[in-house]
Structure formats: structure tokens, C-alpha cells
């Protein structure tokens, strides 16, 4: 991969984080990077957004049934047998819902037997205290000298 930003996204997907809060003001740009990675690799990368539902990024014309509701999409992700990377945009307010937190914890706890990576993409997501130990926090910033993206990574908790 020639694009350094795409290479960093690829390296992120190779980590064993079950939950990632990818903090950015440029969600559209990050979604585009994940789409490009999906198209140039064999990785199963999915995207979810409110009112649309979830689709696999290398086949965006095929929506996955019953995934519009936040609770339904997480239950679908949790029940999938294969590894996947799930980029959720517009999920900010839903992480305050106790049922949502419970499902996210369940996905994180089953990571050794059913590995998945859920990426919560947004600019101001309030991660509940009981989720913080299992959430990796990535902060996306733009360098001022050139417009290439950089990301700093920290494990919250």
C-alpha cells in the first residue's frame, strides 16, 4: 500500500482490539479509507450508519437485513461466525443505552472465541466507564505542514 493513511488504517485492522473509539472530525474521510482498504484487500469490512443500516463496504449495494436499529445491528454483529471489521458512524448517542453497552461488552468478552472489531467513529463519543477497559482510543488529527493524516493511539482504562 502506497498511501500512508491507508497503511495506518490497515495496521489498525490487524490489531486484536475488540472495540475501538476512532475519534475524528473527518468521519467521511475515514470511512473512505476503510472502503479503499476493503476494495484492495480481502478483509470483511462493514459500515453502519443511522437510517441506512449495515452493508459490506466492497458490496455497498447489498444491505444486510434487519440492521437499521442500533441494537439489531450489534446483535447481528455478535452472532456472526466470521471475523469482520464493523465501522459504526453516528452511533454517539447509542453508547449511553445500557442494552447497547451490554451487547458491546458481550462482543468484547467473546473476542477470543469469536473475534470481531467494532469501530465507533465520531468526534465526541462519551464512552461509559464500564466499557473503557476494553476500548482502544484512536485520535485522528491532521498535520498542519502537509495534509496527510496521523493517528495517535492509546488504550483507555
C-alpha atoms as a PDB file:
ATOM      1  CA  UNK A   1       0.000   0.000   0.000  1.00  0.00           C
ATOM      2  CA  UNK A   2       1.430   3.313  -1.062  1.00  0.00           C
ATOM      3  CA  UNK A   3      -0.927   5.680   0.779  1.00  0.00           C
ATOM      4  CA  UNK A   4       0.450   6.161   4.342  1.00  0.00           C
ATOM      5  CA  UNK A   5      -3.032   6.877   5.761  1.00  0.00           C
ATOM      6  CA  UNK A   6      -4.404   3.700   4.181  1.00  0.00           C
ATOM      7  CA  UNK A   7      -1.414   1.789   5.545  1.00  0.00           C
ATOM      8  CA  UNK A   8      -2.186   3.069   9.081  1.00  0.00           C
ATOM      9  CA  UNK A   9      -5.840   2.009   8.724  1.00  0.00           C
ATOM     10  CA  UNK A  10      -4.666  -1.429   7.567  1.00  0.00           C
ATOM     11  CA  UNK A  11      -2.344  -1.735  10.579  1.00  0.00           C
ATOM     12  CA  UNK A  12      -5.217  -0.790  12.891  1.00  0.00           C
ATOM     13  CA  UNK A  13      -7.353  -3.612  11.453  1.00  0.00           C
ATOM     14  CA  UNK A  14      -4.551  -6.091  12.163  1.00  0.00           C
ATOM     15  CA  UNK A  15      -4.651  -5.345  15.893  1.00  0.00           C
ATOM     16  CA  UNK A  16      -6.665  -7.506  18.254  1.00  0.00           C
ATOM     17  CA  UNK A  17      -8.866  -4.761  19.665  1.00  0.00           C
ATOM     18  CA  UNK A  18     -12.496  -5.829  20.038  1.00  0.00           C
ATOM     19  CA  UNK A  19     -13.716  -2.226  20.442  1.00  0.00           C
ATOM     20  CA  UNK A  20     -12.152   0.956  19.109  1.00  0.00           C
ATOM     21  CA  UNK A  21     -13.262   4.539  19.546  1.00  0.00           C
ATOM     22  CA  UNK A  22     -11.824   6.294  16.490  1.00  0.00           C
ATOM     23  CA  UNK A  23     -12.099   9.963  17.369  1.00  0.00           C
ATOM     24  CA  UNK A  24     -12.098  12.208  14.304  1.00  0.00           C
ATOM     25  CA  UNK A  25     -13.674  15.332  12.885  1.00  0.00           C
ATOM     26  CA  UNK A  26     -13.355  13.805   9.405  1.00  0.00           C
ATOM     27  CA  UNK A  27     -15.566  10.724   9.587  1.00  0.00           C
ATOM     28  CA  UNK A  28     -16.343  10.802   5.849  1.00  0.00           C
ATOM     29  CA  UNK A  29     -12.623  10.695   5.029  1.00  0.00           C
ATOM     30  CA  UNK A  30     -12.005   7.788   7.424  1.00  0.00           C
ATOM     31  CA  UNK A  31     -14.972   5.837   6.024  1.00  0.00           C
ATOM     32  CA  UNK A  32     -13.495   6.355   2.542  1.00  0.00           C
ATOM     33  CA  UNK A  33     -10.145   4.954   3.732  1.00  0.00           C
ATOM     34  CA  UNK A  34     -11.882   1.871   5.139  1.00  0.00           C
ATOM     35  CA  UNK A  35     -13.760   1.463   1.844  1.00  0.00           C
ATOM     36  CA  UNK A  36     -10.495   1.669  -0.112  1.00  0.00           C
ATOM     37  CA  UNK A  37      -8.946  -0.916   2.200  1.00  0.00           C
ATOM     38  CA  UNK A  38     -11.948  -3.164   1.710  1.00  0.00           C
ATOM     39  CA  UNK A  39     -11.632  -2.900  -2.075  1.00  0.00           C
ATOM     40  CA  UNK A  40      -7.893  -3.613  -2.186  1.00  0.00           C
ATOM     41  CA  UNK A  41      -7.823  -6.414   0.390  1.00  0.00           C
ATOM     42  CA  UNK A  42      -9.816  -9.486   1.257  1.00  0.00           C
ATOM     43  CA  UNK A  43     -10.869  -8.054   4.623  1.00  0.00           C
ATOM     44  CA  UNK A  44     -14.554  -8.174   5.506  1.00  0.00           C
ATOM     45  CA  UNK A  45     -15.218  -4.533   6.410  1.00  0.00           C
ATOM     46  CA  UNK A  46     -18.753  -3.354   7.087  1.00  0.00           C
ATOM     47  CA  UNK A  47     -20.218   0.116   7.528  1.00  0.00           C
ATOM     48  CA  UNK A  48     -23.302   1.101   9.519  1.00  0.00           C
ATOM     49  CA  UNK A  49     -24.998   4.463   9.710  1.00  0.00           C
ATOM     50  CA  UNK A  50     -28.349   5.562  11.132  1.00  0.00           C
ATOM     51  CA  UNK A  51     -31.421   5.201   8.912  1.00  0.00           C
ATOM     52  CA  UNK A  52     -29.471   3.149   6.361  1.00  0.00           C
ATOM     53  CA  UNK A  53     -28.270   0.034   8.118  1.00  0.00           C
ATOM     54  CA  UNK A  54     -25.175  -2.058   7.528  1.00  0.00           C
ATOM     55  CA  UNK A  55     -23.531  -3.179   4.318  1.00  0.00           C
ATOM     56  CA  UNK A  56     -20.231  -4.771   3.386  1.00  0.00           C
ATOM     57  CA  UNK A  57     -18.014  -1.995   2.027  1.00  0.00           C
ATOM     58  CA  UNK A  58     -16.853  -3.927  -1.036  1.00  0.00           C
ATOM     59  CA  UNK A  59     -20.506  -4.563  -1.978  1.00  0.00           C
ATOM     60  CA  UNK A  60     -22.264  -1.391  -0.815  1.00  0.00           C
ATOM     61  CA  UNK A  61     -25.334  -2.087  -2.928  1.00  0.00           C
ATOM     62  CA  UNK A  62     -26.240  -5.086  -0.745  1.00  0.00           C
ATOM     63  CA  UNK A  63     -27.709  -4.054   2.582  1.00  0.00           C
ATOM     64  CA  UNK A  64     -27.710  -6.586   5.412  1.00  0.00           C
ATOM     65  CA  UNK A  65     -31.309  -7.162   6.533  1.00  0.00           C
ATOM     66  CA  UNK A  66     -32.546  -6.066   9.956  1.00  0.00           C
ATOM     67  CA  UNK A  67     -29.564  -3.838  10.761  1.00  0.00           C
ATOM     68  CA  UNK A  68     -31.053  -0.339  10.861  1.00  0.00           C
ATOM     69  CA  UNK A  69     -31.786  -0.379  14.601  1.00  0.00           C
ATOM     70  CA  UNK A  70     -28.597   0.010  16.714  1.00  0.00           C
ATOM     71  CA  UNK A  71     -29.479  -2.909  18.974  1.00  0.00           C
ATOM     72  CA  UNK A  72     -30.296  -5.130  15.978  1.00  0.00           C
ATOM     73  CA  UNK A  73     -27.014  -4.318  14.218  1.00  0.00           C
ATOM     74  CA  UNK A  74     -24.998  -5.186  17.331  1.00  0.00           C
ATOM     75  CA  UNK A  75     -26.907  -8.443  17.774  1.00  0.00           C
ATOM     76  CA  UNK A  76     -26.215  -9.252  14.112  1.00  0.00           C
ATOM     77  CA  UNK A  77     -22.501  -8.485  14.574  1.00  0.00           C
ATOM     78  CA  UNK A  78     -22.335 -10.548  17.770  1.00  0.00           C
ATOM     79  CA  UNK A  79     -23.976 -13.549  16.085  1.00  0.00           C
ATOM     80  CA  UNK A  80     -21.723 -13.562  13.001  1.00  0.00           C
ATOM     81  CA  UNK A  81     -19.414 -16.556  12.947  1.00  0.00           C
ATOM     82  CA  UNK A  82     -16.660 -14.959  10.872  1.00  0.00           C
ATOM     83  CA  UNK A  83     -14.214 -12.170  11.677  1.00  0.00           C
ATOM     84  CA  UNK A  84     -15.239  -8.753  10.488  1.00  0.00           C
ATOM     85  CA  UNK A  85     -14.421  -5.117  10.983  1.00  0.00           C
ATOM     86  CA  UNK A  86     -17.506  -3.034  11.683  1.00  0.00           C
ATOM     87  CA  UNK A  87     -17.289   0.736  11.277  1.00  0.00           C
ATOM     88  CA  UNK A  88     -20.245   2.398  13.006  1.00  0.00           C
ATOM     89  CA  UNK A  89     -20.822   6.094  12.295  1.00  0.00           C
ATOM     90  CA  UNK A  90     -23.497   8.150  14.011  1.00  0.00           C
ATOM     91  CA  UNK A  91     -23.504   5.800  16.993  1.00  0.00           C
ATOM     92  CA  UNK A  92     -22.633   8.517  19.537  1.00  0.00           C
ATOM     93  CA  UNK A  93     -25.899   8.688  21.457  1.00  0.00           C
ATOM     94  CA  UNK A  94     -26.444   4.929  21.424  1.00  0.00           C
ATOM     95  CA  UNK A  95     -23.460   4.128  23.673  1.00  0.00           C
ATOM     96  CA  UNK A  96     -25.397   5.718  26.523  1.00  0.00           C
ATOM     97  CA  UNK A  97     -28.059   2.980  26.216  1.00  0.00           C
ATOM     98  CA  UNK A  98     -27.456   0.194  28.773  1.00  0.00           C
ATOM     99  CA  UNK A  99     -28.644  -2.548  26.363  1.00  0.00           C
ATOM    100  CA  UNK A 100     -26.150  -1.318  23.751  1.00  0.00           C
ATOM    101  CA  UNK A 101     -23.344  -1.250  26.336  1.00  0.00           C
ATOM    102  CA  UNK A 102     -24.266  -4.781  27.401  1.00  0.00           C
ATOM    103  CA  UNK A 103     -24.019  -6.097  23.822  1.00  0.00           C
ATOM    104  CA  UNK A 104     -20.719  -4.265  23.239  1.00  0.00           C
ATOM    105  CA  UNK A 105     -19.328  -5.864  26.411  1.00  0.00           C
ATOM    106  CA  UNK A 106     -20.536  -9.275  25.218  1.00  0.00           C
ATOM    107  CA  UNK A 107     -18.711  -8.811  21.884  1.00  0.00           C
ATOM    108  CA  UNK A 108     -15.545  -7.773  23.741  1.00  0.00           C
ATOM    109  CA  UNK A 109     -15.774 -10.708  26.176  1.00  0.00           C
ATOM    110  CA  UNK A 110     -16.171 -13.241  23.345  1.00  0.00           C
ATOM    111  CA  UNK A 111     -13.247 -11.802  21.368  1.00  0.00           C
ATOM    112  CA  UNK A 112     -11.020 -14.853  21.971  1.00  0.00           C
ATOM    113  CA  UNK A 113     -13.576 -17.295  20.554  1.00  0.00           C
ATOM    114  CA  UNK A 114     -15.439 -15.034  18.089  1.00  0.00           C
ATOM    115  CA  UNK A 115     -13.034 -12.204  17.198  1.00  0.00           C
ATOM    116  CA  UNK A 116     -14.513  -9.049  15.732  1.00  0.00           C
ATOM    117  CA  UNK A 117     -13.524  -5.398  15.674  1.00  0.00           C
ATOM    118  CA  UNK A 118     -16.170  -2.738  16.215  1.00  0.00           C
ATOM    119  CA  UNK A 119     -15.010   0.775  15.415  1.00  0.00           C
ATOM    120  CA  UNK A 120     -17.108   3.611  16.830  1.00  0.00           C
ATOM    121  CA  UNK A 121     -16.336   6.545  14.544  1.00  0.00           C
ATOM    122  CA  UNK A 122     -17.115  10.070  15.695  1.00  0.00           C
ATOM    123  CA  UNK A 123     -15.892  13.280  17.244  1.00  0.00           C
ATOM    124  CA  UNK A 124     -17.386  13.257  20.739  1.00  0.00           C
ATOM    125  CA  UNK A 125     -18.472   9.831  21.917  1.00  0.00           C
ATOM    126  CA  UNK A 126     -18.879   9.522  25.665  1.00  0.00           C
ATOM    127  CA  UNK A 127     -17.564   6.019  26.367  1.00  0.00           C
ATOM    128  CA  UNK A 128     -19.203   4.701  29.570  1.00  0.00           C
ATOM    129  CA  UNK A 129     -16.824   3.917  32.430  1.00  0.00           C
ATOM    130  CA  UNK A 130     -17.586   0.198  32.381  1.00  0.00           C
ATOM    131  CA  UNK A 131     -16.600  -0.024  28.685  1.00  0.00           C
ATOM    132  CA  UNK A 132     -13.369   1.979  28.968  1.00  0.00           C
ATOM    133  CA  UNK A 133     -11.159  -1.004  29.940  1.00  0.00           C
ATOM    134  CA  UNK A 134     -11.997  -2.807  26.678  1.00  0.00           C
ATOM    135  CA  UNK A 135     -11.959   0.178  24.287  1.00  0.00           C
ATOM    136  CA  UNK A 136      -8.874   1.315  22.402  1.00  0.00           C
ATOM    137  CA  UNK A 137      -8.985   5.050  21.730  1.00  0.00           C
ATOM    138  CA  UNK A 138      -7.543   6.316  18.437  1.00  0.00           C
ATOM    139  CA  UNK A 139      -7.313  10.069  17.973  1.00  0.00           C
ATOM    140  CA  UNK A 140      -7.134  11.161  14.328  1.00  0.00           C
ATOM    141  CA  UNK A 141      -5.524  14.528  13.659  1.00  0.00           C
ATOM    142  CA  UNK A 142      -4.336  16.393  10.603  1.00  0.00           C
ATOM    143  CA  UNK A 143      -0.782  17.590  10.326  1.00  0.00           C
ATOM    144  CA  UNK A 144      -0.578  21.273   9.512  1.00  0.00           C
ATOM    145  CA  UNK A 145       2.599  21.082   7.381  1.00  0.00           C
ATOM    146  CA  UNK A 146       1.023  18.683   4.926  1.00  0.00           C
ATOM    147  CA  UNK A 147      -2.424  17.221   4.695  1.00  0.00           C
ATOM    148  CA  UNK A 148      -1.564  13.633   5.475  1.00  0.00           C
ATOM    149  CA  UNK A 149      -3.408  12.076   8.367  1.00  0.00           C
ATOM    150  CA  UNK A 150      -1.753  10.982  11.540  1.00  0.00           C
ATOM    151  CA  UNK A 151      -3.248   8.991  14.324  1.00  0.00           C
ATOM    152  CA  UNK A 152      -2.235   8.655  17.906  1.00  0.00           C
ATOM    153  CA  UNK A 153      -3.264   5.554  19.736  1.00  0.00           C
ATOM    154  CA  UNK A 154      -3.948   4.949  23.369  1.00  0.00           C
ATOM    155  CA  UNK A 155      -5.680   2.233  25.293  1.00  0.00           C
ATOM    156  CA  UNK A 156      -8.242   3.807  27.603  1.00  0.00           C
ATOM    157  CA  UNK A 157      -8.867   2.451  31.019  1.00  0.00           C
END
